[in-house]
N, C-alpha and C. Protein backbone atom coordinates (compact mmCIF):
# COMPACT_ATOMS: atom_id res chain seq x y z
N UNK A 1 0.85 -1.20 0.00
CA UNK A 1 0.00 0.00 0.00
C UNK A 1 0.88 1.24 0.00
N UNK A 2 0.62 2.17 -0.91
CA UNK A 2 1.43 3.37 -1.03
C UNK A 2 1.13 4.34 0.12
N UNK A 3 2.05 5.28 0.40
CA UNK A 3 1.83 6.24 1.49
C UNK A 3 0.53 7.02 1.35
N UNK A 4 0.21 7.44 0.12
CA UNK A 4 -1.02 8.22 -0.08
C UNK A 4 -2.26 7.40 0.25
N UNK A 5 -2.26 6.13 -0.18
CA UNK A 5 -3.40 5.26 0.12
C UNK A 5 -3.46 4.95 1.60
N UNK A 6 -2.30 4.79 2.25
CA UNK A 6 -2.25 4.57 3.69
C UNK A 6 -2.84 5.76 4.43
N UNK A 7 -2.53 6.97 3.95
CA UNK A 7 -3.06 8.17 4.59
C UNK A 7 -4.58 8.23 4.47
N UNK A 8 -5.10 7.92 3.28
CA UNK A 8 -6.55 7.90 3.07
C UNK A 8 -7.20 6.86 3.96
N UNK A 9 -6.57 5.69 4.05
CA UNK A 9 -7.10 4.61 4.87
C UNK A 9 -7.15 5.01 6.34
N UNK A 10 -6.08 5.64 6.82
CA UNK A 10 -6.02 6.07 8.22
C UNK A 10 -7.06 7.15 8.51
N UNK A 11 -7.24 8.06 7.57
CA UNK A 11 -8.20 9.14 7.75
C UNK A 11 -9.63 8.61 7.83
N UNK A 12 -9.97 7.73 6.89
CA UNK A 12 -11.32 7.17 6.86
C UNK A 12 -11.57 6.27 8.07
N UNK A 13 -10.51 5.54 8.50
CA UNK A 13 -10.64 4.66 9.66
C UNK A 13 -10.95 5.45 10.92
N UNK A 14 -10.53 6.72 10.95
CA UNK A 14 -10.78 7.57 12.12
C UNK A 14 -12.24 8.00 12.20
N UNK A 15 -12.93 7.94 11.07
CA UNK A 15 -14.34 8.33 11.01
C UNK A 15 -15.13 7.24 10.28
N UNK A 16 -15.49 6.18 11.00
CA UNK A 16 -16.13 5.00 10.38
C UNK A 16 -17.38 5.34 9.54
N UNK A 17 -18.21 6.25 10.05
CA UNK A 17 -19.43 6.58 9.32
C UNK A 17 -19.14 7.36 8.04
N UNK A 18 -17.98 8.02 8.02
CA UNK A 18 -17.62 8.81 6.86
C UNK A 18 -17.45 7.95 5.61
N UNK A 19 -16.90 6.74 5.79
CA UNK A 19 -16.67 5.88 4.63
C UNK A 19 -17.97 5.51 3.94
N UNK A 20 -19.02 5.28 4.72
CA UNK A 20 -20.30 4.92 4.12
C UNK A 20 -20.96 6.13 3.45
N UNK A 21 -20.77 7.30 4.05
CA UNK A 21 -21.32 8.52 3.45
C UNK A 21 -20.62 8.82 2.12
N UNK A 22 -19.30 8.65 2.09
CA UNK A 22 -18.53 8.89 0.86
C UNK A 22 -18.99 7.95 -0.25
N UNK A 23 -19.14 6.68 0.08
CA UNK A 23 -19.57 5.69 -0.92
C UNK A 23 -20.99 5.98 -1.40
N UNK A 24 -21.87 6.30 -0.46
CA UNK A 24 -23.27 6.57 -0.79
C UNK A 24 -23.40 7.76 -1.74
N UNK A 25 -22.76 8.87 -1.38
CA UNK A 25 -22.84 10.08 -2.20
C UNK A 25 -22.11 9.90 -3.53
N UNK A 26 -20.98 9.18 -3.50
CA UNK A 26 -20.24 8.93 -4.74
C UNK A 26 -21.05 8.11 -5.72
N UNK A 27 -21.76 7.09 -5.22
CA UNK A 27 -22.58 6.25 -6.08
C UNK A 27 -23.82 7.00 -6.57
N UNK A 28 -24.39 7.83 -5.70
CA UNK A 28 -25.63 8.53 -6.04
C UNK A 28 -25.40 9.65 -7.04
N UNK A 29 -24.31 10.41 -6.86
CA UNK A 29 -24.14 11.63 -7.66
C UNK A 29 -22.78 11.74 -8.35
N UNK A 30 -21.85 10.84 -8.05
CA UNK A 30 -20.48 11.00 -8.56
C UNK A 30 -20.23 10.49 -9.95
N UNK A 31 -21.05 9.56 -10.42
CA UNK A 31 -20.85 9.03 -11.76
C UNK A 31 -19.76 7.99 -11.85
N UNK A 32 -19.32 7.75 -13.09
CA UNK A 32 -18.39 6.65 -13.37
C UNK A 32 -17.04 6.82 -12.68
N UNK A 33 -16.48 8.03 -12.77
CA UNK A 33 -15.14 8.26 -12.21
C UNK A 33 -15.12 8.02 -10.71
N UNK A 34 -16.13 8.52 -10.01
CA UNK A 34 -16.20 8.35 -8.56
C UNK A 34 -16.33 6.88 -8.18
N UNK A 35 -17.18 6.16 -8.89
CA UNK A 35 -17.42 4.76 -8.54
C UNK A 35 -16.19 3.89 -8.82
N UNK A 36 -15.52 4.13 -9.94
CA UNK A 36 -14.30 3.38 -10.24
C UNK A 36 -13.21 3.69 -9.22
N UNK A 37 -13.09 4.96 -8.84
CA UNK A 37 -12.08 5.36 -7.85
C UNK A 37 -12.35 4.73 -6.49
N UNK A 38 -13.60 4.73 -6.07
CA UNK A 38 -13.97 4.13 -4.79
C UNK A 38 -13.75 2.62 -4.81
N UNK A 39 -14.03 1.99 -5.94
CA UNK A 39 -13.81 0.55 -6.07
C UNK A 39 -12.32 0.23 -6.01
N UNK A 40 -11.51 1.11 -6.58
CA UNK A 40 -10.05 0.97 -6.52
C UNK A 40 -9.59 0.98 -5.07
N UNK A 41 -10.13 1.90 -4.28
CA UNK A 41 -9.77 1.99 -2.87
C UNK A 41 -10.29 0.78 -2.08
N UNK A 42 -11.46 0.27 -2.50
CA UNK A 42 -12.02 -0.91 -1.83
C UNK A 42 -11.10 -2.12 -2.01
N UNK A 43 -10.44 -2.19 -3.15
CA UNK A 43 -9.50 -3.29 -3.41
C UNK A 43 -8.31 -3.24 -2.46
N UNK A 44 -8.04 -2.06 -1.91
CA UNK A 44 -6.94 -1.90 -0.96
C UNK A 44 -7.41 -1.99 0.49
N UNK A 45 -8.66 -2.38 0.67
CA UNK A 45 -9.18 -2.60 2.01
C UNK A 45 -9.64 -1.36 2.73
N UNK A 46 -9.69 -0.23 2.04
CA UNK A 46 -10.14 1.01 2.68
C UNK A 46 -11.63 0.94 2.98
N UNK A 47 -12.37 0.31 2.09
CA UNK A 47 -13.79 0.07 2.31
C UNK A 47 -14.01 -1.44 2.34
N UNK A 48 -14.65 -1.98 3.39
CA UNK A 48 -14.97 -3.42 3.41
C UNK A 48 -15.84 -3.75 2.20
N UNK A 49 -15.52 -4.83 1.50
CA UNK A 49 -16.14 -5.10 0.20
C UNK A 49 -17.65 -5.27 0.26
N UNK A 50 -18.16 -6.12 1.16
CA UNK A 50 -19.60 -6.38 1.18
C UNK A 50 -20.41 -5.13 1.52
N UNK A 51 -20.05 -4.39 2.60
CA UNK A 51 -20.77 -3.14 2.85
C UNK A 51 -20.63 -2.15 1.70
N UNK A 52 -19.46 -2.14 1.06
CA UNK A 52 -19.24 -1.24 -0.07
C UNK A 52 -20.22 -1.54 -1.20
N UNK A 53 -20.44 -2.83 -1.48
CA UNK A 53 -21.37 -3.22 -2.55
C UNK A 53 -22.79 -2.79 -2.21
N UNK A 54 -23.19 -3.03 -0.97
CA UNK A 54 -24.55 -2.69 -0.56
C UNK A 54 -24.79 -1.18 -0.58
N UNK A 55 -23.84 -0.43 -0.03
CA UNK A 55 -24.00 1.03 0.04
C UNK A 55 -23.96 1.64 -1.36
N UNK A 56 -23.12 1.09 -2.24
CA UNK A 56 -23.08 1.56 -3.64
C UNK A 56 -24.43 1.34 -4.32
N UNK A 57 -25.00 0.17 -4.07
CA UNK A 57 -26.31 -0.14 -4.65
C UNK A 57 -27.39 0.79 -4.11
N UNK A 58 -27.39 1.00 -2.80
CA UNK A 58 -28.39 1.88 -2.19
C UNK A 58 -28.21 3.32 -2.66
N UNK A 59 -26.95 3.75 -2.78
CA UNK A 59 -26.68 5.11 -3.23
C UNK A 59 -27.15 5.35 -4.66
N UNK A 60 -26.82 4.42 -5.55
CA UNK A 60 -27.22 4.56 -6.95
C UNK A 60 -28.73 4.50 -7.10
N UNK A 61 -29.35 3.57 -6.39
CA UNK A 61 -30.81 3.44 -6.45
C UNK A 61 -31.49 4.69 -5.90
N UNK A 62 -31.00 5.19 -4.77
CA UNK A 62 -31.57 6.40 -4.17
C UNK A 62 -31.43 7.60 -5.11
N UNK A 63 -30.26 7.69 -5.75
CA UNK A 63 -30.04 8.79 -6.70
C UNK A 63 -31.01 8.74 -7.86
N UNK A 64 -31.22 7.56 -8.41
CA UNK A 64 -32.15 7.42 -9.55
C UNK A 64 -33.58 7.73 -9.14
N UNK A 65 -33.96 7.28 -7.94
CA UNK A 65 -35.32 7.57 -7.45
C UNK A 65 -35.50 9.07 -7.26
N UNK A 66 -34.46 9.72 -6.73
CA UNK A 66 -34.51 11.17 -6.54
C UNK A 66 -34.69 11.89 -7.87
N UNK A 67 -33.89 11.50 -8.89
CA UNK A 67 -34.00 12.13 -10.20
C UNK A 67 -35.38 11.89 -10.81
N UNK A 68 -35.94 10.69 -10.57
CA UNK A 68 -37.26 10.37 -11.13
C UNK A 68 -38.33 11.30 -10.57
N UNK A 69 -38.37 11.43 -9.24
CA UNK A 69 -39.40 12.27 -8.63
C UNK A 69 -39.11 13.75 -8.82
N UNK A 70 -37.84 14.10 -8.96
CA UNK A 70 -37.50 15.48 -9.28
C UNK A 70 -38.03 15.84 -10.66
N UNK A 71 -38.06 14.84 -11.54
CA UNK A 71 -38.59 15.06 -12.89
C UNK A 71 -40.07 15.40 -12.90
N UNK A 72 -40.77 15.08 -11.82
CA UNK A 72 -42.19 15.40 -11.72
C UNK A 72 -42.43 16.85 -11.29
N UNK A 73 -41.36 17.53 -10.86
CA UNK A 73 -41.50 18.89 -10.34
C UNK A 73 -41.64 19.91 -11.46
N UNK A 74 -42.11 21.08 -11.11
CA UNK A 74 -42.27 22.15 -12.09
C UNK A 74 -40.92 22.66 -12.58
N UNK A 75 -39.95 22.70 -11.67
CA UNK A 75 -38.62 23.18 -12.03
C UNK A 75 -38.01 22.33 -13.14
N UNK A 76 -38.12 21.00 -12.98
CA UNK A 76 -37.59 20.10 -14.01
C UNK A 76 -38.33 20.30 -15.33
N UNK A 77 -39.62 20.54 -15.23
CA UNK A 77 -40.41 20.78 -16.44
C UNK A 77 -39.95 22.03 -17.18
N UNK A 78 -39.59 23.06 -16.42
CA UNK A 78 -39.11 24.30 -17.04
C UNK A 78 -37.75 24.09 -17.70
N UNK A 79 -36.88 23.33 -17.01
CA UNK A 79 -35.54 23.09 -17.56
C UNK A 79 -35.62 22.28 -18.84
N UNK A 80 -36.38 21.18 -18.79
CA UNK A 80 -36.50 20.31 -19.96
C UNK A 80 -37.26 21.00 -21.09
N UNK A 81 -38.23 21.83 -20.72
CA UNK A 81 -39.02 22.50 -21.73
C UNK A 81 -38.40 23.78 -22.27
N UNK A 82 -37.21 24.12 -21.78
CA UNK A 82 -36.54 25.34 -22.24
C UNK A 82 -36.28 25.25 -23.74
N UNK A 83 -36.37 26.36 -24.42
CA UNK A 83 -36.27 26.36 -25.89
C UNK A 83 -34.92 25.88 -26.40
N UNK A 84 -33.86 26.00 -25.55
CA UNK A 84 -32.55 25.52 -25.96
C UNK A 84 -32.33 24.06 -25.55
N UNK A 85 -32.88 23.69 -24.40
CA UNK A 85 -32.65 22.33 -23.88
C UNK A 85 -33.55 21.30 -24.55
N UNK A 86 -34.79 21.65 -24.80
CA UNK A 86 -35.77 20.69 -25.31
C UNK A 86 -35.35 20.01 -26.62
N UNK A 87 -34.90 20.76 -27.63
CA UNK A 87 -34.50 20.09 -28.89
C UNK A 87 -33.34 19.13 -28.70
N UNK A 88 -32.35 19.53 -27.89
CA UNK A 88 -31.19 18.67 -27.65
C UNK A 88 -31.59 17.39 -26.95
N UNK A 89 -32.43 17.52 -25.92
CA UNK A 89 -32.88 16.34 -25.17
C UNK A 89 -33.71 15.42 -26.06
N UNK A 90 -34.53 16.00 -26.90
CA UNK A 90 -35.36 15.19 -27.80
C UNK A 90 -34.50 14.37 -28.75
N UNK A 91 -33.43 14.99 -29.26
CA UNK A 91 -32.53 14.29 -30.18
C UNK A 91 -31.81 13.16 -29.46
N UNK A 92 -31.32 13.44 -28.23
CA UNK A 92 -30.63 12.41 -27.44
C UNK A 92 -31.56 11.23 -27.17
N UNK A 93 -32.79 11.53 -26.75
CA UNK A 93 -33.74 10.47 -26.42
C UNK A 93 -34.12 9.66 -27.67
N UNK A 94 -34.25 10.34 -28.80
CA UNK A 94 -34.59 9.63 -30.04
C UNK A 94 -33.44 8.72 -30.46
N UNK A 95 -32.20 9.19 -30.27
CA UNK A 95 -31.03 8.36 -30.61
C UNK A 95 -30.98 7.13 -29.72
N UNK A 96 -31.23 7.32 -28.42
CA UNK A 96 -31.24 6.19 -27.50
C UNK A 96 -32.37 5.23 -27.85
N UNK A 97 -33.53 5.79 -28.20
CA UNK A 97 -34.69 4.96 -28.55
C UNK A 97 -34.40 4.12 -29.79
N UNK A 98 -33.70 4.70 -30.75
CA UNK A 98 -33.37 3.97 -31.97
C UNK A 98 -32.41 2.82 -31.69
N UNK A 99 -31.35 3.14 -30.95
CA UNK A 99 -30.35 2.11 -30.66
C UNK A 99 -30.94 0.99 -29.83
N UNK A 100 -31.80 1.35 -28.87
CA UNK A 100 -32.40 0.34 -28.00
C UNK A 100 -33.60 -0.35 -28.65
N UNK A 101 -34.01 0.19 -29.84
CA UNK A 101 -35.15 -0.37 -30.58
C UNK A 101 -36.43 -0.39 -29.74
N UNK A 102 -36.58 0.65 -28.93
CA UNK A 102 -37.78 0.78 -28.13
C UNK A 102 -37.79 -0.04 -26.86
N UNK A 103 -36.71 -0.78 -26.60
CA UNK A 103 -36.62 -1.60 -25.39
C UNK A 103 -36.23 -0.70 -24.22
N UNK A 104 -37.12 -0.60 -23.23
CA UNK A 104 -36.90 0.32 -22.11
C UNK A 104 -35.67 -0.07 -21.30
N UNK A 105 -35.45 -1.36 -21.11
CA UNK A 105 -34.29 -1.82 -20.34
C UNK A 105 -32.99 -1.41 -21.02
N UNK A 106 -32.89 -1.66 -22.33
CA UNK A 106 -31.69 -1.28 -23.07
C UNK A 106 -31.48 0.23 -23.06
N UNK A 107 -32.58 0.97 -23.12
CA UNK A 107 -32.49 2.43 -23.09
C UNK A 107 -31.87 2.91 -21.79
N UNK A 108 -32.29 2.33 -20.67
CA UNK A 108 -31.74 2.71 -19.37
C UNK A 108 -30.27 2.29 -19.25
N UNK A 109 -29.94 1.13 -19.80
CA UNK A 109 -28.54 0.67 -19.75
C UNK A 109 -27.64 1.62 -20.54
N UNK A 110 -28.06 1.99 -21.75
CA UNK A 110 -27.27 2.93 -22.55
C UNK A 110 -27.13 4.27 -21.84
N UNK A 111 -28.22 4.73 -21.23
CA UNK A 111 -28.19 6.02 -20.53
C UNK A 111 -27.21 6.00 -19.37
N UNK A 112 -27.08 4.85 -18.70
CA UNK A 112 -26.14 4.73 -17.57
C UNK A 112 -24.70 4.88 -18.04
N UNK A 113 -24.40 4.31 -19.19
CA UNK A 113 -23.00 4.28 -19.64
C UNK A 113 -22.60 5.50 -20.47
N UNK A 114 -23.57 6.28 -20.92
CA UNK A 114 -23.24 7.52 -21.63
C UNK A 114 -22.92 8.60 -20.61
N UNK A 115 -21.74 9.18 -20.69
CA UNK A 115 -21.30 10.17 -19.71
C UNK A 115 -22.24 11.37 -19.68
N UNK A 116 -22.73 11.69 -18.48
CA UNK A 116 -23.53 12.89 -18.31
C UNK A 116 -25.00 12.77 -18.65
N UNK A 117 -25.47 11.58 -19.00
CA UNK A 117 -26.87 11.45 -19.42
C UNK A 117 -27.74 10.71 -18.41
N UNK A 118 -27.14 10.12 -17.40
CA UNK A 118 -27.90 9.29 -16.46
C UNK A 118 -29.06 10.07 -15.83
N UNK A 119 -28.76 11.18 -15.17
CA UNK A 119 -29.80 11.96 -14.49
C UNK A 119 -30.75 12.61 -15.49
N UNK A 120 -30.18 13.14 -16.57
CA UNK A 120 -30.99 13.85 -17.57
C UNK A 120 -32.04 12.94 -18.19
N UNK A 121 -31.62 11.72 -18.54
CA UNK A 121 -32.55 10.77 -19.17
C UNK A 121 -33.65 10.37 -18.21
N UNK A 122 -33.29 10.14 -16.94
CA UNK A 122 -34.30 9.75 -15.94
C UNK A 122 -35.32 10.87 -15.76
N UNK A 123 -34.85 12.11 -15.66
CA UNK A 123 -35.75 13.25 -15.50
C UNK A 123 -36.65 13.38 -16.73
N UNK A 124 -36.07 13.21 -17.90
CA UNK A 124 -36.84 13.31 -19.15
C UNK A 124 -37.91 12.22 -19.21
N UNK A 125 -37.52 11.00 -18.88
CA UNK A 125 -38.46 9.88 -18.90
C UNK A 125 -39.58 10.11 -17.90
N UNK A 126 -39.23 10.68 -16.74
CA UNK A 126 -40.23 10.96 -15.71
C UNK A 126 -41.30 11.91 -16.22
N UNK A 127 -40.91 12.84 -17.10
CA UNK A 127 -41.87 13.82 -17.62
C UNK A 127 -42.82 13.21 -18.65
N UNK A 128 -42.58 11.97 -19.06
CA UNK A 128 -43.47 11.32 -20.03
C UNK A 128 -44.66 10.66 -19.35
N UNK A 129 -44.81 10.93 -18.05
CA UNK A 129 -45.91 10.39 -17.25
C UNK A 129 -45.82 8.88 -17.02
N UNK A 130 -44.63 8.32 -17.17
CA UNK A 130 -44.44 6.92 -16.83
C UNK A 130 -44.60 6.74 -15.32
N UNK A 131 -45.24 5.68 -14.90
CA UNK A 131 -45.43 5.44 -13.47
C UNK A 131 -44.15 4.88 -12.86
N UNK A 132 -44.02 5.05 -11.55
CA UNK A 132 -42.81 4.58 -10.87
C UNK A 132 -42.69 3.06 -10.96
N UNK A 133 -43.82 2.35 -10.90
CA UNK A 133 -43.76 0.89 -10.95
C UNK A 133 -43.32 0.38 -12.32
N UNK A 134 -43.53 1.17 -13.36
CA UNK A 134 -43.04 0.79 -14.69
C UNK A 134 -41.61 1.26 -14.93
N UNK A 135 -41.21 2.30 -14.20
CA UNK A 135 -39.84 2.83 -14.33
C UNK A 135 -38.83 2.00 -13.55
N UNK A 136 -39.19 1.62 -12.33
CA UNK A 136 -38.20 1.07 -11.40
C UNK A 136 -37.63 -0.29 -11.80
N UNK A 137 -38.43 -1.29 -12.21
CA UNK A 137 -37.85 -2.61 -12.53
C UNK A 137 -36.76 -2.58 -13.60
N UNK A 138 -36.99 -1.96 -14.79
CA UNK A 138 -35.90 -1.93 -15.78
C UNK A 138 -34.71 -1.09 -15.32
N UNK A 139 -34.99 -0.02 -14.57
CA UNK A 139 -33.89 0.81 -14.07
C UNK A 139 -33.07 0.04 -13.05
N UNK A 140 -33.72 -0.79 -12.25
CA UNK A 140 -33.02 -1.59 -11.25
C UNK A 140 -32.05 -2.58 -11.92
N UNK A 141 -32.50 -3.21 -12.98
CA UNK A 141 -31.63 -4.13 -13.73
C UNK A 141 -30.46 -3.37 -14.34
N UNK A 142 -30.74 -2.18 -14.90
CA UNK A 142 -29.68 -1.35 -15.48
C UNK A 142 -28.66 -0.94 -14.42
N UNK A 143 -29.14 -0.64 -13.22
CA UNK A 143 -28.25 -0.28 -12.11
C UNK A 143 -27.32 -1.44 -11.78
N UNK A 144 -27.86 -2.64 -11.69
CA UNK A 144 -27.04 -3.81 -11.36
C UNK A 144 -25.96 -4.06 -12.41
N UNK A 145 -26.33 -3.90 -13.68
CA UNK A 145 -25.35 -4.09 -14.77
C UNK A 145 -24.28 -3.00 -14.71
N UNK A 146 -24.71 -1.77 -14.50
CA UNK A 146 -23.80 -0.62 -14.44
C UNK A 146 -22.83 -0.75 -13.27
N UNK A 147 -23.38 -1.08 -12.10
CA UNK A 147 -22.53 -1.23 -10.91
C UNK A 147 -21.56 -2.39 -11.05
N UNK A 148 -22.05 -3.51 -11.55
CA UNK A 148 -21.18 -4.69 -11.72
C UNK A 148 -20.00 -4.36 -12.64
N UNK A 149 -20.28 -3.65 -13.72
CA UNK A 149 -19.22 -3.30 -14.68
C UNK A 149 -18.20 -2.35 -14.08
N UNK A 150 -18.67 -1.25 -13.50
CA UNK A 150 -17.76 -0.22 -12.99
C UNK A 150 -16.99 -0.68 -11.76
N UNK A 151 -17.68 -1.37 -10.85
CA UNK A 151 -17.00 -1.86 -9.64
C UNK A 151 -15.95 -2.90 -10.01
N UNK A 152 -16.27 -3.74 -10.98
CA UNK A 152 -15.29 -4.75 -11.42
C UNK A 152 -14.05 -4.08 -12.00
N UNK A 153 -14.26 -3.04 -12.82
CA UNK A 153 -13.12 -2.31 -13.41
C UNK A 153 -12.26 -1.68 -12.32
N UNK A 154 -12.91 -0.98 -11.39
CA UNK A 154 -12.16 -0.31 -10.33
C UNK A 154 -11.48 -1.27 -9.39
N UNK A 155 -12.19 -2.33 -9.00
CA UNK A 155 -11.64 -3.29 -8.04
C UNK A 155 -10.47 -4.07 -8.64
N UNK A 156 -10.64 -4.53 -9.87
CA UNK A 156 -9.56 -5.27 -10.53
C UNK A 156 -8.36 -4.37 -10.82
N UNK A 157 -8.63 -3.09 -11.07
CA UNK A 157 -7.53 -2.14 -11.26
C UNK A 157 -6.73 -2.00 -9.97
N UNK A 158 -7.45 -1.97 -8.84
CA UNK A 158 -6.78 -1.88 -7.55
C UNK A 158 -5.93 -3.10 -7.25
N UNK A 159 -6.48 -4.27 -7.54
CA UNK A 159 -5.70 -5.51 -7.34
C UNK A 159 -4.52 -5.56 -8.30
N UNK A 160 -4.75 -5.15 -9.54
CA UNK A 160 -3.68 -5.15 -10.54
C UNK A 160 -2.57 -4.19 -10.18
N UNK A 161 -2.94 -3.05 -9.62
CA UNK A 161 -1.94 -2.06 -9.18
C UNK A 161 -1.01 -2.67 -8.14
N UNK A 162 -1.60 -3.35 -7.15
CA UNK A 162 -0.80 -3.98 -6.10
C UNK A 162 0.08 -5.09 -6.67
N UNK A 163 -0.50 -5.90 -7.55
CA UNK A 163 0.23 -7.04 -8.11
C UNK A 163 1.40 -6.58 -8.98
N UNK A 164 1.12 -5.67 -9.90
CA UNK A 164 2.17 -5.19 -10.81
C UNK A 164 3.26 -4.46 -10.06
N UNK A 165 2.86 -3.64 -9.08
CA UNK A 165 3.86 -2.91 -8.28
C UNK A 165 4.75 -3.87 -7.52
N UNK A 166 4.14 -4.96 -7.00
CA UNK A 166 4.91 -5.94 -6.23
C UNK A 166 5.84 -6.76 -7.10
N UNK A 167 5.34 -7.18 -8.27
CA UNK A 167 6.15 -8.02 -9.16
C UNK A 167 7.34 -7.24 -9.72
N UNK A 168 7.09 -6.02 -10.16
CA UNK A 168 8.14 -5.23 -10.80
C UNK A 168 8.90 -4.34 -9.80
N UNK A 169 8.48 -4.41 -8.53
CA UNK A 169 9.15 -3.64 -7.48
C UNK A 169 9.17 -2.15 -7.80
N UNK A 170 8.10 -1.68 -8.42
CA UNK A 170 8.05 -0.26 -8.79
C UNK A 170 6.61 0.23 -8.74
N UNK A 171 6.40 1.29 -7.98
CA UNK A 171 5.06 1.87 -7.89
C UNK A 171 4.65 2.49 -9.22
N UNK A 172 5.66 2.94 -9.99
CA UNK A 172 5.36 3.56 -11.29
C UNK A 172 4.79 2.55 -12.27
N UNK A 173 5.21 1.30 -12.15
CA UNK A 173 4.65 0.25 -13.00
C UNK A 173 3.17 0.05 -12.68
N UNK A 174 2.85 0.10 -11.38
CA UNK A 174 1.46 -0.02 -10.96
C UNK A 174 0.63 1.15 -11.46
N UNK A 175 1.20 2.35 -11.37
CA UNK A 175 0.51 3.53 -11.86
C UNK A 175 0.28 3.43 -13.37
N UNK A 176 1.28 2.93 -14.08
CA UNK A 176 1.15 2.74 -15.52
C UNK A 176 0.04 1.77 -15.85
N UNK A 177 -0.11 0.71 -15.06
CA UNK A 177 -1.17 -0.27 -15.26
C UNK A 177 -2.53 0.39 -15.10
N UNK A 178 -2.68 1.20 -14.05
CA UNK A 178 -3.96 1.88 -13.80
C UNK A 178 -4.27 2.86 -14.93
N UNK A 179 -3.26 3.59 -15.39
CA UNK A 179 -3.45 4.53 -16.49
C UNK A 179 -3.91 3.80 -17.75
N UNK A 180 -3.33 2.63 -17.99
CA UNK A 180 -3.71 1.82 -19.15
C UNK A 180 -5.18 1.43 -19.08
N UNK A 181 -5.62 1.01 -17.89
CA UNK A 181 -7.03 0.64 -17.70
C UNK A 181 -7.93 1.85 -17.95
N UNK A 182 -7.53 3.00 -17.42
CA UNK A 182 -8.33 4.22 -17.60
C UNK A 182 -8.41 4.62 -19.06
N UNK A 183 -7.31 4.45 -19.79
CA UNK A 183 -7.31 4.77 -21.22
C UNK A 183 -8.30 3.89 -21.97
N UNK A 184 -8.32 2.60 -21.63
CA UNK A 184 -9.26 1.67 -22.27
C UNK A 184 -10.70 2.08 -21.98
N UNK A 185 -10.98 2.45 -20.72
CA UNK A 185 -12.33 2.86 -20.33
C UNK A 185 -12.74 4.13 -21.07
N UNK A 186 -11.83 5.11 -21.09
CA UNK A 186 -12.12 6.37 -21.77
C UNK A 186 -12.36 6.15 -23.27
N UNK A 187 -11.54 5.31 -23.89
CA UNK A 187 -11.70 5.03 -25.32
C UNK A 187 -13.05 4.36 -25.59
N UNK A 188 -13.46 3.47 -24.69
CA UNK A 188 -14.76 2.81 -24.85
C UNK A 188 -15.89 3.82 -24.76
N UNK A 189 -15.77 4.77 -23.82
CA UNK A 189 -16.81 5.79 -23.68
C UNK A 189 -16.81 6.74 -24.87
N UNK A 190 -15.63 7.07 -25.39
CA UNK A 190 -15.56 7.94 -26.56
C UNK A 190 -16.21 7.27 -27.76
N UNK A 191 -15.94 5.96 -27.93
CA UNK A 191 -16.55 5.22 -29.03
C UNK A 191 -18.07 5.21 -28.90
N UNK A 192 -18.55 4.97 -27.68
CA UNK A 192 -19.99 4.93 -27.45
C UNK A 192 -20.62 6.30 -27.71
N UNK A 193 -19.92 7.35 -27.27
CA UNK A 193 -20.42 8.70 -27.48
C UNK A 193 -20.50 9.03 -28.96
N UNK A 194 -19.45 8.67 -29.72
CA UNK A 194 -19.45 8.94 -31.16
C UNK A 194 -20.54 8.15 -31.88
N UNK A 195 -20.77 6.93 -31.39
CA UNK A 195 -21.82 6.09 -31.98
C UNK A 195 -23.18 6.78 -31.83
N UNK A 196 -23.44 7.32 -30.63
CA UNK A 196 -24.72 7.99 -30.41
C UNK A 196 -24.77 9.34 -31.11
N UNK A 197 -23.64 10.01 -31.22
CA UNK A 197 -23.61 11.28 -31.96
C UNK A 197 -23.99 11.07 -33.42
N UNK A 198 -23.55 9.93 -33.97
CA UNK A 198 -23.91 9.60 -35.35
C UNK A 198 -25.41 9.40 -35.47
N UNK A 199 -25.99 8.70 -34.48
CA UNK A 199 -27.43 8.50 -34.48
C UNK A 199 -28.16 9.84 -34.35
N UNK A 200 -27.61 10.73 -33.50
CA UNK A 200 -28.22 12.04 -33.30
C UNK A 200 -28.20 12.85 -34.59
N UNK A 201 -27.09 12.77 -35.32
CA UNK A 201 -26.98 13.49 -36.59
C UNK A 201 -28.01 12.99 -37.60
N UNK A 202 -28.26 11.68 -37.60
CA UNK A 202 -29.26 11.12 -38.51
C UNK A 202 -30.65 11.61 -38.14
N UNK A 203 -30.90 11.70 -36.82
CA UNK A 203 -32.21 12.20 -36.37
C UNK A 203 -32.41 13.64 -36.81
N UNK A 204 -31.36 14.47 -36.65
CA UNK A 204 -31.44 15.88 -37.03
C UNK A 204 -31.67 16.02 -38.53
N UNK A 205 -30.97 15.21 -39.32
CA UNK A 205 -31.12 15.26 -40.78
C UNK A 205 -32.53 14.89 -41.19
N UNK A 206 -33.10 13.89 -40.52
CA UNK A 206 -34.46 13.46 -40.86
C UNK A 206 -35.48 14.54 -40.50
N UNK A 207 -35.20 15.26 -39.39
CA UNK A 207 -36.12 16.31 -38.98
C UNK A 207 -36.11 17.49 -39.95
N UNK A 208 -34.98 17.67 -40.65
CA UNK A 208 -34.87 18.76 -41.61
C UNK A 208 -35.64 18.48 -42.90
N UNK A 209 -35.83 17.18 -43.18
CA UNK A 209 -36.51 16.80 -44.43
C UNK A 209 -38.01 17.10 -44.37
């Protein structure tokens, strides 16, 4: 364990409840980077694995529920209905709808993995008058897939960091391994974003006709 990770571990150990609050808020509002980073720390024993999994699940679920009911508010309606925001959101949703072929579960899964669209898509969907009982089951499955993927990436990166650093006797080798993993993740997200941007362009072109 590196000095910086030891310091983080000692700090969090001094405030037991803080670790759960950090994980909960990170999962609820932090997005991909926060969850992968927290999973990396969990691999080093800073967060006990089983409680970490449960709190991450509760945080993500609570965040999605919050965004859903926030979407029912007048404020959300004004934001989504704004003359600049509405066309952009409509194009994004149409692109997701095309790729998912109308499958609600696939739509939620894509929305989870597209950077910056998780909350926006949930709020937008909420404004379509979908009931909570129809929203929650597919979103719950999407949450499990999203969490499993990101936690696995972060946790395995943490284990790989320790292994590579130990084998090569160099912390820089471990850092290089983590950077490599991050590059792969970023490239995957860039590819996914470009894929949806292409779909969005097709939607815009069709609307012009």
